[in-house]
Amino acid sequence: MTEVSEKKDVQKLQRIVVDSLEDVKAQDIAVFNTEHLSALFERVIIASGTSNRQTKALASNVRDDVRDGGFGKPRIEGEENGEWIIVDCGSVVVHIMQPTIRQYYHLEEIWGDKPVRIKLGAPLPKAAPKVVEIAEPVAKKSARSKSTAKPVAEKSKASDQPKRSTTASSNKKPVAQKTTSNPKELSKPVAKKVINAKTPAKKTAAKKTTPLKTAVRQTRS
């Protein structure tokens, strides 16, 4: 079987499924091309039923119409519950869901990359919007990382301060040693000058007293 014939069979099976769903008044029928997403099937069809009775009727009608179209008997899962029934038709997989279940699981985000026309001549539906919730946590993390970076910078500044104080104190120690050693060296010449200053005073006093003593002696004699 060639690729062209395979595509024709997929399109034919798709029309049978859509017509079968419309016969039982299915709501919000959507068809998506999944060839680039999975090798097991080429189409995903999603439809809504308002009650368990309608979803079961939709599934059984699709099974009968596909089998009568010569594509073999499809497999059905979830028919007992009726909230979400899957009809596996081979290259086409049909999801029949109640509205609340369909909104909760929102399969359009998974398979809705390439929507397909339901029938020939029908308008091409838009791709399902994808909800992205990654940017906000990333911004929060970056804000947290910035807040955590500030204490680190403050710690680094605090760690630099003791280093600077130690270097300053180490530079001052040799200067203190020089000042303490200088007074001892300077005190010796000062003491010598004082002694030299006293000695001439004694000599002058002795010179002045000697004439007086000689005069007194002469008078007495």
N, C-alpha and C. Protein backbone atom coordinates (compact mmCIF):
# COMPACT_ATOMS: atom_id res chain seq x y z
N MET A 1 0.85 -1.19 0.00
CA MET A 1 0.00 0.00 0.00
C MET A 1 0.90 1.25 0.00
N THR A 2 0.64 2.14 -0.92
CA THR A 2 1.43 3.35 -1.06
C THR A 2 0.99 4.41 -0.05
N GLU A 3 1.80 5.47 0.05
CA GLU A 3 1.49 6.54 0.98
C GLU A 3 0.22 7.27 0.58
N VAL A 4 0.00 7.40 -0.72
CA VAL A 4 -1.20 8.10 -1.19
C VAL A 4 -2.46 7.35 -0.79
N SER A 5 -2.43 6.03 -0.97
CA SER A 5 -3.60 5.23 -0.59
C SER A 5 -3.81 5.22 0.92
N GLU A 6 -2.70 5.25 1.67
CA GLU A 6 -2.83 5.30 3.14
C GLU A 6 -3.48 6.60 3.58
N LYS A 7 -3.09 7.70 2.97
CA LYS A 7 -3.69 8.98 3.32
C LYS A 7 -5.17 9.01 2.95
N LYS A 8 -5.51 8.40 1.83
CA LYS A 8 -6.93 8.36 1.43
C LYS A 8 -7.74 7.53 2.42
N ASP A 9 -7.15 6.45 2.89
CA ASP A 9 -7.86 5.63 3.87
C ASP A 9 -8.05 6.39 5.19
N VAL A 10 -7.01 7.14 5.59
CA VAL A 10 -7.13 7.94 6.83
C VAL A 10 -8.21 8.99 6.68
N GLN A 11 -8.25 9.67 5.55
CA GLN A 11 -9.28 10.68 5.32
C GLN A 11 -10.68 10.06 5.27
N LYS A 12 -10.78 8.88 4.64
CA LYS A 12 -12.08 8.20 4.58
C LYS A 12 -12.55 7.78 5.97
N LEU A 13 -11.62 7.23 6.77
CA LEU A 13 -11.97 6.83 8.14
C LEU A 13 -12.34 8.05 8.98
N GLN A 14 -11.66 9.14 8.77
CA GLN A 14 -11.97 10.37 9.50
C GLN A 14 -13.39 10.84 9.17
N ARG A 15 -13.79 10.80 7.91
CA ARG A 15 -15.14 11.23 7.53
C ARG A 15 -16.20 10.31 8.13
N ILE A 16 -15.91 9.02 8.17
CA ILE A 16 -16.89 8.09 8.76
C ILE A 16 -17.10 8.39 10.23
N VAL A 17 -16.00 8.63 10.96
CA VAL A 17 -16.10 8.89 12.40
C VAL A 17 -16.84 10.19 12.65
N VAL A 18 -16.52 11.25 11.89
CA VAL A 18 -17.17 12.54 12.11
C VAL A 18 -18.66 12.45 11.80
N ASP A 19 -19.02 11.78 10.70
CA ASP A 19 -20.44 11.63 10.36
C ASP A 19 -21.18 10.83 11.44
N SER A 20 -20.52 9.82 11.98
CA SER A 20 -21.14 9.01 13.03
C SER A 20 -21.37 9.83 14.30
N LEU A 21 -20.41 10.68 14.65
CA LEU A 21 -20.58 11.52 15.84
C LEU A 21 -21.68 12.56 15.63
N GLU A 22 -21.76 13.12 14.43
CA GLU A 22 -22.80 14.12 14.16
C GLU A 22 -24.19 13.49 14.14
N ASP A 23 -24.29 12.22 13.80
CA ASP A 23 -25.61 11.56 13.78
C ASP A 23 -26.22 11.48 15.16
N VAL A 24 -25.36 11.34 16.19
CA VAL A 24 -25.86 11.26 17.58
C VAL A 24 -25.71 12.61 18.28
N LYS A 25 -25.49 13.67 17.49
CA LYS A 25 -25.45 15.04 18.00
C LYS A 25 -24.34 15.26 19.03
N ALA A 26 -23.14 14.88 18.65
CA ALA A 26 -21.98 15.18 19.50
C ALA A 26 -21.67 16.68 19.43
N GLN A 27 -21.07 17.21 20.50
CA GLN A 27 -20.77 18.64 20.60
C GLN A 27 -19.27 18.88 20.52
N ASP A 28 -18.91 20.03 19.94
CA ASP A 28 -17.51 20.50 19.89
C ASP A 28 -16.57 19.42 19.33
N ILE A 29 -16.86 18.98 18.11
CA ILE A 29 -16.00 17.99 17.46
C ILE A 29 -14.73 18.68 16.95
N ALA A 30 -13.57 18.09 17.27
CA ALA A 30 -12.28 18.64 16.84
C ALA A 30 -11.41 17.50 16.34
N VAL A 31 -10.71 17.76 15.23
CA VAL A 31 -9.83 16.76 14.61
C VAL A 31 -8.42 17.34 14.55
N PHE A 32 -7.42 16.53 14.93
CA PHE A 32 -6.03 16.98 14.97
C PHE A 32 -5.13 15.96 14.27
N ASN A 33 -4.18 16.52 13.53
CA ASN A 33 -3.18 15.68 12.86
C ASN A 33 -2.05 15.37 13.83
N THR A 34 -1.76 14.08 14.05
CA THR A 34 -0.75 13.65 15.03
C THR A 34 0.35 12.81 14.38
N GLU A 35 0.55 12.96 13.07
CA GLU A 35 1.59 12.18 12.40
C GLU A 35 2.98 12.52 12.94
N HIS A 36 3.22 13.79 13.29
CA HIS A 36 4.52 14.22 13.78
C HIS A 36 4.71 13.97 15.27
N LEU A 37 3.66 13.53 15.95
CA LEU A 37 3.73 13.31 17.40
C LEU A 37 3.77 11.84 17.79
N SER A 38 3.15 10.99 16.99
CA SER A 38 3.08 9.57 17.33
C SER A 38 3.07 8.74 16.04
N ALA A 39 3.73 7.60 16.14
CA ALA A 39 3.75 6.67 15.00
C ALA A 39 2.63 5.64 15.07
N LEU A 40 1.83 5.65 16.14
CA LEU A 40 0.77 4.66 16.33
C LEU A 40 -0.53 5.07 15.65
N PHE A 41 -0.79 6.35 15.55
CA PHE A 41 -2.02 6.82 14.93
C PHE A 41 -1.75 8.16 14.27
N GLU A 42 -2.62 8.53 13.31
CA GLU A 42 -2.42 9.74 12.52
C GLU A 42 -3.46 10.82 12.77
N ARG A 43 -4.55 10.47 13.42
CA ARG A 43 -5.59 11.44 13.74
C ARG A 43 -6.11 11.21 15.16
N VAL A 44 -6.41 12.33 15.82
CA VAL A 44 -7.10 12.30 17.12
C VAL A 44 -8.35 13.15 16.98
N ILE A 45 -9.48 12.54 17.32
CA ILE A 45 -10.77 13.22 17.24
C ILE A 45 -11.35 13.31 18.65
N ILE A 46 -11.74 14.51 19.05
CA ILE A 46 -12.29 14.75 20.39
C ILE A 46 -13.71 15.27 20.21
N ALA A 47 -14.63 14.71 20.99
CA ALA A 47 -16.04 15.13 20.95
C ALA A 47 -16.61 15.07 22.36
N SER A 48 -17.67 15.84 22.59
CA SER A 48 -18.29 15.92 23.92
C SER A 48 -19.70 15.36 23.87
N GLY A 49 -20.06 14.69 24.98
CA GLY A 49 -21.43 14.20 25.20
C GLY A 49 -21.94 14.71 26.53
N THR A 50 -23.20 15.08 26.58
CA THR A 50 -23.73 15.74 27.76
C THR A 50 -24.00 14.79 28.92
N SER A 51 -24.10 13.49 28.67
CA SER A 51 -24.43 12.53 29.73
C SER A 51 -23.76 11.20 29.43
N ASN A 52 -23.81 10.29 30.44
CA ASN A 52 -23.24 8.95 30.24
C ASN A 52 -23.98 8.20 29.12
N ARG A 53 -25.28 8.41 29.04
CA ARG A 53 -26.06 7.72 28.02
C ARG A 53 -25.65 8.17 26.63
N GLN A 54 -25.43 9.49 26.45
CA GLN A 54 -25.06 9.99 25.13
C GLN A 54 -23.64 9.54 24.76
N THR A 55 -22.70 9.59 25.70
CA THR A 55 -21.32 9.17 25.39
C THR A 55 -21.28 7.70 24.98
N LYS A 56 -22.06 6.85 25.66
CA LYS A 56 -22.11 5.43 25.29
C LYS A 56 -22.74 5.24 23.91
N ALA A 57 -23.78 6.04 23.62
CA ALA A 57 -24.42 5.94 22.31
C ALA A 57 -23.48 6.41 21.20
N LEU A 58 -22.68 7.44 21.46
CA LEU A 58 -21.72 7.91 20.48
C LEU A 58 -20.64 6.86 20.20
N ALA A 59 -20.16 6.23 21.26
CA ALA A 59 -19.11 5.22 21.09
C ALA A 59 -19.62 4.01 20.31
N SER A 60 -20.81 3.56 20.64
CA SER A 60 -21.35 2.39 19.93
C SER A 60 -21.66 2.71 18.47
N ASN A 61 -22.12 3.92 18.20
CA ASN A 61 -22.42 4.30 16.82
C ASN A 61 -21.14 4.40 15.99
N VAL A 62 -20.06 4.94 16.57
CA VAL A 62 -18.77 5.02 15.86
C VAL A 62 -18.25 3.61 15.58
N ARG A 63 -18.38 2.73 16.53
CA ARG A 63 -17.89 1.35 16.34
C ARG A 63 -18.63 0.66 15.19
N ASP A 64 -19.94 0.81 15.17
CA ASP A 64 -20.73 0.14 14.13
C ASP A 64 -20.44 0.73 12.74
N ASP A 65 -20.34 2.06 12.65
CA ASP A 65 -20.12 2.68 11.34
C ASP A 65 -18.72 2.37 10.80
N VAL A 66 -17.73 2.33 11.68
CA VAL A 66 -16.37 2.02 11.22
C VAL A 66 -16.29 0.57 10.75
N ARG A 67 -16.93 -0.32 11.47
CA ARG A 67 -16.93 -1.73 11.07
C ARG A 67 -17.67 -1.92 9.75
N ASP A 68 -18.80 -1.23 9.59
CA ASP A 68 -19.54 -1.33 8.33
C ASP A 68 -18.77 -0.70 7.15
N GLY A 69 -17.86 0.25 7.47
CA GLY A 69 -17.08 0.86 6.40
C GLY A 69 -15.91 0.01 5.94
N GLY A 70 -15.70 -1.15 6.55
CA GLY A 70 -14.66 -2.07 6.12
C GLY A 70 -13.30 -1.85 6.77
N PHE A 71 -13.26 -1.21 7.93
CA PHE A 71 -11.98 -0.94 8.61
C PHE A 71 -11.75 -1.86 9.82
N GLY A 72 -12.54 -2.83 10.03
CA GLY A 72 -12.35 -3.70 11.17
C GLY A 72 -13.08 -3.17 12.40
N LYS A 73 -13.21 -4.03 13.40
CA LYS A 73 -13.95 -3.67 14.62
C LYS A 73 -13.04 -2.88 15.56
N PRO A 74 -13.42 -1.65 15.93
CA PRO A 74 -12.58 -0.87 16.85
C PRO A 74 -12.66 -1.40 18.28
N ARG A 75 -11.66 -1.03 19.06
CA ARG A 75 -11.64 -1.37 20.49
C ARG A 75 -12.15 -0.18 21.30
N ILE A 76 -12.91 -0.49 22.35
CA ILE A 76 -13.51 0.56 23.17
C ILE A 76 -13.03 0.40 24.61
N GLU A 77 -12.68 1.52 25.24
CA GLU A 77 -12.28 1.54 26.65
C GLU A 77 -13.05 2.64 27.38
N GLY A 78 -13.45 2.34 28.63
CA GLY A 78 -14.17 3.31 29.45
C GLY A 78 -15.66 3.35 29.23
N GLU A 79 -16.22 2.34 28.56
CA GLU A 79 -17.66 2.35 28.28
C GLU A 79 -18.48 2.11 29.53
N GLU A 80 -17.93 1.43 30.52
CA GLU A 80 -18.69 1.16 31.75
C GLU A 80 -18.94 2.45 32.52
N ASN A 81 -17.93 3.31 32.61
CA ASN A 81 -18.09 4.56 33.36
C ASN A 81 -18.90 5.57 32.55
N GLY A 82 -18.50 5.81 31.31
CA GLY A 82 -19.24 6.71 30.43
C GLY A 82 -18.77 8.16 30.48
N GLU A 83 -17.88 8.50 31.41
CA GLU A 83 -17.41 9.89 31.47
C GLU A 83 -16.35 10.17 30.39
N TRP A 84 -15.54 9.15 30.10
CA TRP A 84 -14.49 9.30 29.09
C TRP A 84 -14.34 7.96 28.38
N ILE A 85 -14.76 7.92 27.12
CA ILE A 85 -14.72 6.68 26.34
C ILE A 85 -13.74 6.87 25.19
N ILE A 86 -12.86 5.90 25.01
CA ILE A 86 -11.86 5.93 23.94
C ILE A 86 -12.22 4.84 22.93
N VAL A 87 -12.32 5.25 21.67
CA VAL A 87 -12.60 4.31 20.58
C VAL A 87 -11.36 4.27 19.69
N ASP A 88 -10.65 3.13 19.72
CA ASP A 88 -9.42 2.96 18.95
C ASP A 88 -9.76 2.36 17.59
N CYS A 89 -9.67 3.18 16.55
CA CYS A 89 -9.97 2.74 15.20
C CYS A 89 -8.72 2.48 14.37
N GLY A 90 -7.59 2.31 15.00
CA GLY A 90 -6.35 2.08 14.28
C GLY A 90 -5.61 3.38 14.04
N SER A 91 -5.71 3.91 12.84
CA SER A 91 -5.04 5.17 12.52
C SER A 91 -5.78 6.39 13.04
N VAL A 92 -6.97 6.21 13.56
CA VAL A 92 -7.77 7.29 14.13
C VAL A 92 -8.21 6.86 15.53
N VAL A 93 -7.96 7.74 16.51
CA VAL A 93 -8.36 7.49 17.90
C VAL A 93 -9.38 8.55 18.28
N VAL A 94 -10.53 8.09 18.83
CA VAL A 94 -11.63 8.98 19.16
C VAL A 94 -11.77 9.06 20.67
N HIS A 95 -11.80 10.30 21.21
CA HIS A 95 -12.02 10.55 22.64
C HIS A 95 -13.40 11.18 22.80
N ILE A 96 -14.31 10.45 23.42
CA ILE A 96 -15.66 10.95 23.69
C ILE A 96 -15.74 11.24 25.17
N MET A 97 -15.91 12.52 25.52
CA MET A 97 -15.78 12.95 26.92
C MET A 97 -16.95 13.84 27.30
N GLN A 98 -17.27 13.85 28.57
CA GLN A 98 -18.23 14.82 29.09
C GLN A 98 -17.53 16.18 29.25
N PRO A 99 -18.27 17.29 29.19
CA PRO A 99 -17.64 18.62 29.18
C PRO A 99 -16.73 18.89 30.37
N THR A 100 -17.13 18.49 31.58
CA THR A 100 -16.29 18.76 32.75
C THR A 100 -14.96 17.98 32.67
N ILE A 101 -15.03 16.72 32.22
CA ILE A 101 -13.82 15.92 32.08
C ILE A 101 -12.94 16.48 30.96
N ARG A 102 -13.55 16.95 29.91
CA ARG A 102 -12.78 17.51 28.80
C ARG A 102 -12.07 18.79 29.20
N GLN A 103 -12.73 19.63 29.95
CA GLN A 103 -12.09 20.85 30.42
C GLN A 103 -10.98 20.56 31.42
N TYR A 104 -11.15 19.53 32.21
CA TYR A 104 -10.14 19.22 33.23
C TYR A 104 -8.85 18.69 32.60
N TYR A 105 -8.98 17.71 31.69
CA TYR A 105 -7.79 17.10 31.07
C TYR A 105 -7.25 17.91 29.89
N HIS A 106 -8.13 18.59 29.18
CA HIS A 106 -7.75 19.52 28.11
C HIS A 106 -6.74 18.86 27.16
N LEU A 107 -7.19 17.85 26.46
CA LEU A 107 -6.32 17.11 25.53
C LEU A 107 -5.87 17.96 24.34
N GLU A 108 -6.53 19.08 24.11
CA GLU A 108 -6.12 19.93 23.00
C GLU A 108 -4.70 20.47 23.18
N GLU A 109 -4.25 20.63 24.43
CA GLU A 109 -2.89 21.10 24.65
C GLU A 109 -1.86 20.05 24.21
N ILE A 110 -2.24 18.76 24.25
CA ILE A 110 -1.31 17.69 23.88
C ILE A 110 -1.33 17.44 22.38
N TRP A 111 -2.54 17.30 21.82
CA TRP A 111 -2.66 16.91 20.42
C TRP A 111 -3.07 18.05 19.50
N GLY A 112 -3.29 19.25 20.03
CA GLY A 112 -3.86 20.33 19.23
C GLY A 112 -2.87 21.18 18.49
N ASP A 113 -1.70 20.64 18.15
CA ASP A 113 -0.69 21.42 17.44
C ASP A 113 -1.10 21.70 15.99
N LYS A 114 -1.68 20.69 15.32
CA LYS A 114 -2.08 20.82 13.92
C LYS A 114 -3.55 20.43 13.75
N PRO A 115 -4.46 21.40 13.87
CA PRO A 115 -5.88 21.07 13.67
C PRO A 115 -6.18 20.81 12.20
N VAL A 116 -7.19 19.97 11.97
CA VAL A 116 -7.56 19.55 10.61
C VAL A 116 -9.04 19.90 10.40
N ARG A 117 -9.41 20.19 9.14
CA ARG A 117 -10.82 20.44 8.82
C ARG A 117 -11.65 19.19 9.08
N ILE A 118 -12.81 19.40 9.68
CA ILE A 118 -13.69 18.27 9.96
C ILE A 118 -14.20 17.67 8.65
N LYS A 119 -14.57 18.51 7.72
CA LYS A 119 -15.08 18.06 6.41
C LYS A 119 -14.50 18.95 5.32
N LEU A 120 -14.61 18.50 4.10
CA LEU A 120 -14.15 19.30 2.97
C LEU A 120 -14.98 20.57 2.86
N GLY A 121 -14.29 21.71 2.72
CA GLY A 121 -15.00 22.97 2.62
C GLY A 121 -15.22 23.66 3.95
N ALA A 122 -14.99 22.95 5.07
CA ALA A 122 -15.16 23.56 6.39
C ALA A 122 -13.98 24.47 6.70
N PRO A 123 -14.19 25.53 7.49
CA PRO A 123 -13.07 26.43 7.82
C PRO A 123 -12.03 25.72 8.67
N LEU A 124 -10.79 26.10 8.46
CA LEU A 124 -9.71 25.49 9.21
C LEU A 124 -9.70 26.05 10.64
N PRO A 125 -9.82 25.21 11.64
CA PRO A 125 -9.83 25.71 13.03
C PRO A 125 -8.44 26.17 13.45
N LYS A 126 -8.42 27.04 14.45
CA LYS A 126 -7.16 27.54 14.98
C LYS A 126 -6.55 26.53 15.95
N ALA A 127 -5.22 26.60 16.05
CA ALA A 127 -4.53 25.72 16.99
C ALA A 127 -4.88 26.10 18.42
N ALA A 128 -4.94 25.10 19.28
CA ALA A 128 -5.28 25.34 20.68
C ALA A 128 -4.17 26.11 21.35
N PRO A 129 -4.50 27.15 22.14
CA PRO A 129 -3.45 27.92 22.83
C PRO A 129 -2.81 27.09 23.92
N LYS A 130 -1.50 27.24 24.05
CA LYS A 130 -0.76 26.52 25.08
C LYS A 130 -0.46 27.46 26.23
N VAL A 131 -0.77 26.99 27.41
CA VAL A 131 -0.54 27.80 28.61
C VAL A 131 0.89 27.58 29.08
N VAL A 132 1.64 28.67 29.19
CA VAL A 132 3.04 28.59 29.63
C VAL A 132 3.14 29.26 30.99
N GLU A 133 3.58 28.52 32.01
CA GLU A 133 3.71 29.03 33.37
C GLU A 133 5.13 28.84 33.88
N ILE A 134 6.09 29.14 33.01
CA ILE A 134 7.49 28.91 33.39
C ILE A 134 8.19 30.23 33.70
N ALA A 135 7.76 31.33 33.03
CA ALA A 135 8.49 32.58 33.18
C ALA A 135 8.40 33.13 34.59
N GLU A 136 7.21 33.02 35.27
CA GLU A 136 7.05 33.60 36.59
C GLU A 136 7.95 32.93 37.63
N PRO A 137 8.01 31.56 37.71
CA PRO A 137 8.95 30.97 38.67
C PRO A 137 10.38 31.33 38.39
N VAL A 138 10.75 31.47 37.09
CA VAL A 138 12.14 31.84 36.78
C VAL A 138 12.43 33.23 37.28
N ALA A 139 11.47 34.19 37.11
CA ALA A 139 11.69 35.55 37.60
C ALA A 139 11.79 35.58 39.11
N LYS A 140 10.97 34.75 39.81
CA LYS A 140 11.04 34.71 41.26
C LYS A 140 12.37 34.17 41.72
N LYS A 141 12.85 33.13 41.02
CA LYS A 141 14.14 32.57 41.40
C LYS A 141 15.25 33.57 41.18
N SER A 142 15.18 34.32 40.04
CA SER A 142 16.23 35.30 39.80
C SER A 142 16.18 36.39 40.85
N ALA A 143 14.92 36.79 41.28
CA ALA A 143 14.82 37.80 42.32
C ALA A 143 15.39 37.28 43.63
N ARG A 144 15.10 35.99 43.92
CA ARG A 144 15.66 35.41 45.13
C ARG A 144 17.17 35.35 45.06
N SER A 145 17.71 35.00 43.88
CA SER A 145 19.16 34.92 43.75
C SER A 145 19.80 36.29 43.93
N LYS A 146 19.13 37.39 43.44
CA LYS A 146 19.67 38.71 43.64
C LYS A 146 19.65 39.10 45.10
N SER A 147 18.57 38.74 45.82
CA SER A 147 18.49 39.07 47.23
C SER A 147 19.52 38.32 48.04
N THR A 148 19.82 37.11 47.63
CA THR A 148 20.84 36.35 48.36
C THR A 148 22.23 36.83 48.03
N ALA A 149 22.42 37.50 46.88
CA ALA A 149 23.76 37.95 46.51
C ALA A 149 24.19 39.14 47.34
N LYS A 150 23.26 39.97 47.83
CA LYS A 150 23.62 41.15 48.59
C LYS A 150 24.31 40.81 49.91
N PRO A 151 23.77 39.88 50.73
CA PRO A 151 24.49 39.54 51.97
C PRO A 151 25.88 39.03 51.71
N VAL A 152 26.08 38.33 50.61
CA VAL A 152 27.41 37.81 50.32
C VAL A 152 28.36 38.95 50.07
N ALA A 153 27.90 39.98 49.33
CA ALA A 153 28.76 41.13 49.07
C ALA A 153 29.08 41.86 50.36
N GLU A 154 28.09 41.98 51.26
CA GLU A 154 28.34 42.65 52.52
C GLU A 154 29.33 41.88 53.37
N LYS A 155 29.22 40.55 53.34
CA LYS A 155 30.17 39.74 54.08
C LYS A 155 31.57 39.92 53.54
N SER A 156 31.69 40.02 52.22
CA SER A 156 33.02 40.19 51.64
C SER A 156 33.61 41.52 52.05
N LYS A 157 32.78 42.59 52.11
CA LYS A 157 33.28 43.88 52.54
C LYS A 157 33.70 43.82 54.00
N ALA A 158 32.90 43.13 54.83
CA ALA A 158 33.24 43.01 56.24
C ALA A 158 34.52 42.23 56.44
N SER A 159 34.73 41.24 55.57
CA SER A 159 35.95 40.45 55.70
C SER A 159 37.18 41.24 55.27
N ASP A 160 36.99 42.26 54.40
CA ASP A 160 38.13 43.07 53.97
C ASP A 160 38.57 44.05 55.04
N GLN A 161 37.63 44.51 55.88
CA GLN A 161 37.98 45.52 56.87
C GLN A 161 39.01 45.06 57.88
N PRO A 162 38.88 43.87 58.50
CA PRO A 162 39.92 43.45 59.44
C PRO A 162 41.28 43.32 58.79
N LYS A 163 41.32 42.94 57.51
CA LYS A 163 42.60 42.82 56.84
C LYS A 163 43.28 44.18 56.73
N ARG A 164 42.50 45.22 56.41
CA ARG A 164 43.08 46.54 56.28
C ARG A 164 43.57 47.06 57.63
N SER A 165 42.84 46.79 58.72
CA SER A 165 43.23 47.25 60.04
C SER A 165 44.52 46.59 60.49
N THR A 166 44.65 45.31 60.18
CA THR A 166 45.86 44.60 60.57
C THR A 166 47.06 45.13 59.82
N THR A 167 46.87 45.46 58.54
CA THR A 167 47.99 46.00 57.77
C THR A 167 48.38 47.37 58.29
N ALA A 168 47.39 48.19 58.69
CA ALA A 168 47.71 49.51 59.23
C ALA A 168 48.45 49.39 60.54
N SER A 169 48.00 48.46 61.41
CA SER A 169 48.67 48.28 62.69
C SER A 169 50.07 47.76 62.52
N SER A 170 50.25 46.88 61.51
CA SER A 170 51.58 46.35 61.27
C SER A 170 52.52 47.43 60.78
N ASN A 171 51.98 48.45 60.06
CA ASN A 171 52.82 49.54 59.59
C ASN A 171 53.17 50.50 60.71
N LYS A 172 52.29 50.61 61.70
CA LYS A 172 52.54 51.56 62.79
C LYS A 172 53.54 51.04 63.80
N LYS A 173 53.67 49.72 63.93
CA LYS A 173 54.56 49.16 64.95
C LYS A 173 56.00 49.60 64.78
N PRO A 174 56.59 49.54 63.60
CA PRO A 174 57.98 49.99 63.47
C PRO A 174 58.14 51.45 63.80
N VAL A 175 57.14 52.30 63.49
CA VAL A 175 57.24 53.72 63.81
C VAL A 175 57.25 53.93 65.30
N ALA A 176 56.44 53.16 66.04
CA ALA A 176 56.41 53.27 67.49
C ALA A 176 57.74 52.87 68.09
N GLN A 177 58.35 51.86 67.54
CA GLN A 177 59.65 51.43 68.05
C GLN A 177 60.69 52.51 67.86
N LYS A 178 60.67 53.23 66.74
CA LYS A 178 61.65 54.28 66.50
C LYS A 178 61.46 55.42 67.47
N THR A 179 60.20 55.78 67.76
CA THR A 179 59.97 56.90 68.68
C THR A 179 60.39 56.56 70.09
N THR A 180 60.18 55.31 70.50
CA THR A 180 60.58 54.93 71.86
C THR A 180 62.09 54.89 72.01
N SER A 181 62.81 54.56 70.93
CA SER A 181 64.28 54.49 71.02
C SER A 181 64.92 55.87 70.92
N ASN A 182 64.30 56.86 70.31
CA ASN A 182 64.90 58.18 70.11
C ASN A 182 65.06 58.96 71.39
N PRO A 183 64.11 59.01 72.33
CA PRO A 183 64.31 59.83 73.54
C PRO A 183 65.53 59.43 74.34
N LYS A 184 65.85 58.14 74.40
CA LYS A 184 67.02 57.70 75.15
C LYS A 184 68.29 58.25 74.53
N GLU A 185 68.31 58.26 73.19
CA GLU A 185 69.51 58.75 72.52
C GLU A 185 69.64 60.26 72.65
N LEU A 186 68.49 60.96 72.65
CA LEU A 186 68.54 62.41 72.74
C LEU A 186 68.78 62.93 74.15
N SER A 187 68.47 62.12 75.14
CA SER A 187 68.61 62.56 76.53
C SER A 187 70.06 62.72 76.94
N LYS A 188 70.97 61.96 76.38
CA LYS A 188 72.39 62.02 76.76
C LYS A 188 73.00 63.37 76.42
N PRO A 189 72.87 63.87 75.20
CA PRO A 189 73.45 65.18 74.92
C PRO A 189 72.83 66.29 75.74
N VAL A 190 71.56 66.21 76.04
CA VAL A 190 70.90 67.26 76.84
C VAL A 190 71.48 67.29 78.24
N ALA A 191 71.72 66.10 78.82
CA ALA A 191 72.29 66.04 80.17
C ALA A 191 73.69 66.64 80.19
N LYS A 192 74.47 66.38 79.16
CA LYS A 192 75.83 66.92 79.09
C LYS A 192 75.81 68.43 79.02
N LYS A 193 74.85 69.02 78.24
CA LYS A 193 74.74 70.45 78.12
C LYS A 193 74.39 71.08 79.45
N VAL A 194 73.55 70.43 80.23
CA VAL A 194 73.15 70.96 81.53
C VAL A 194 74.35 70.99 82.47
N ILE A 195 75.12 69.90 82.43
CA ILE A 195 76.30 69.83 83.30
C ILE A 195 77.31 70.90 82.91
N ASN A 196 77.52 71.10 81.62
CA ASN A 196 78.45 72.12 81.15
C ASN A 196 77.99 73.51 81.52
N ALA A 197 76.66 73.70 81.56
CA ALA A 197 76.13 75.02 81.91
C ALA A 197 76.33 75.32 83.38
N LYS A 198 76.29 74.28 84.23
CA LYS A 198 76.44 74.50 85.67
C LYS A 198 77.89 74.80 86.05
N THR A 199 78.81 74.14 85.40
CA THR A 199 80.22 74.29 85.77
C THR A 199 80.74 75.71 85.62
N PRO A 200 80.42 76.44 84.56
CA PRO A 200 80.91 77.81 84.48
C PRO A 200 80.32 78.69 85.56
N ALA A 201 79.13 78.43 86.01
CA ALA A 201 78.52 79.24 87.06
C ALA A 201 79.30 79.12 88.36
N LYS A 202 79.75 77.94 88.67
CA LYS A 202 80.55 77.74 89.88
C LYS A 202 81.88 78.49 89.80
N LYS A 203 82.47 78.43 88.61
CA LYS A 203 83.76 79.09 88.45
C LYS A 203 83.63 80.60 88.61
N THR A 204 82.60 81.17 88.02
CA THR A 204 82.40 82.61 88.12
C THR A 204 82.14 83.01 89.55
N ALA A 205 81.37 82.19 90.26
CA ALA A 205 81.10 82.50 91.66
C ALA A 205 82.37 82.48 92.48
N ALA A 206 83.24 81.55 92.16
CA ALA A 206 84.51 81.45 92.89
C ALA A 206 85.39 82.65 92.61
N LYS A 207 85.37 83.11 91.35
CA LYS A 207 86.15 84.28 91.00
C LYS A 207 85.68 85.51 91.72
N LYS A 208 84.34 85.68 91.88
CA LYS A 208 83.79 86.86 92.53
C LYS A 208 84.06 86.85 94.03
N THR A 209 84.07 85.71 94.62
CA THR A 209 84.25 85.63 96.07
C THR A 209 85.70 85.80 96.50
N THR A 210 86.61 85.49 95.65
CA THR A 210 88.03 85.57 96.04
C THR A 210 88.50 86.99 96.33
N PRO A 211 88.12 88.03 95.57
CA PRO A 211 88.56 89.37 95.92
C PRO A 211 87.98 89.85 97.24
N LEU A 212 86.77 89.49 97.56
CA LEU A 212 86.15 89.90 98.81
C LEU A 212 86.90 89.30 100.00
N LYS A 213 87.21 88.05 99.82
CA LYS A 213 87.94 87.40 100.93
C LYS A 213 89.31 88.05 101.16
N THR A 214 89.98 88.41 100.09
CA THR A 214 91.31 89.04 100.23
C THR A 214 91.19 90.43 100.88
N ALA A 215 90.11 91.15 100.54
CA ALA A 215 89.92 92.46 101.13
C ALA A 215 89.67 92.38 102.63
N VAL A 216 88.87 91.40 102.99
CA VAL A 216 88.56 91.23 104.44
C VAL A 216 89.82 90.84 105.19
N ARG A 217 90.60 90.04 104.59
CA ARG A 217 91.85 89.66 105.27
C ARG A 217 92.78 90.85 105.44
N GLN A 218 92.85 91.72 104.49
CA GLN A 218 93.74 92.88 104.59
C GLN A 218 93.30 93.82 105.68
N THR A 219 91.96 94.02 105.78
CA THR A 219 91.46 94.90 106.83
C THR A 219 91.75 94.32 108.21
N ARG A 220 91.61 93.09 108.36
CA ARG A 220 91.86 92.47 109.66
C ARG A 220 93.34 92.55 110.03
N SER A 221 94.11 92.44 109.04
CA SER A 221 95.55 92.47 109.35
C SER A 221 95.98 93.90 109.71
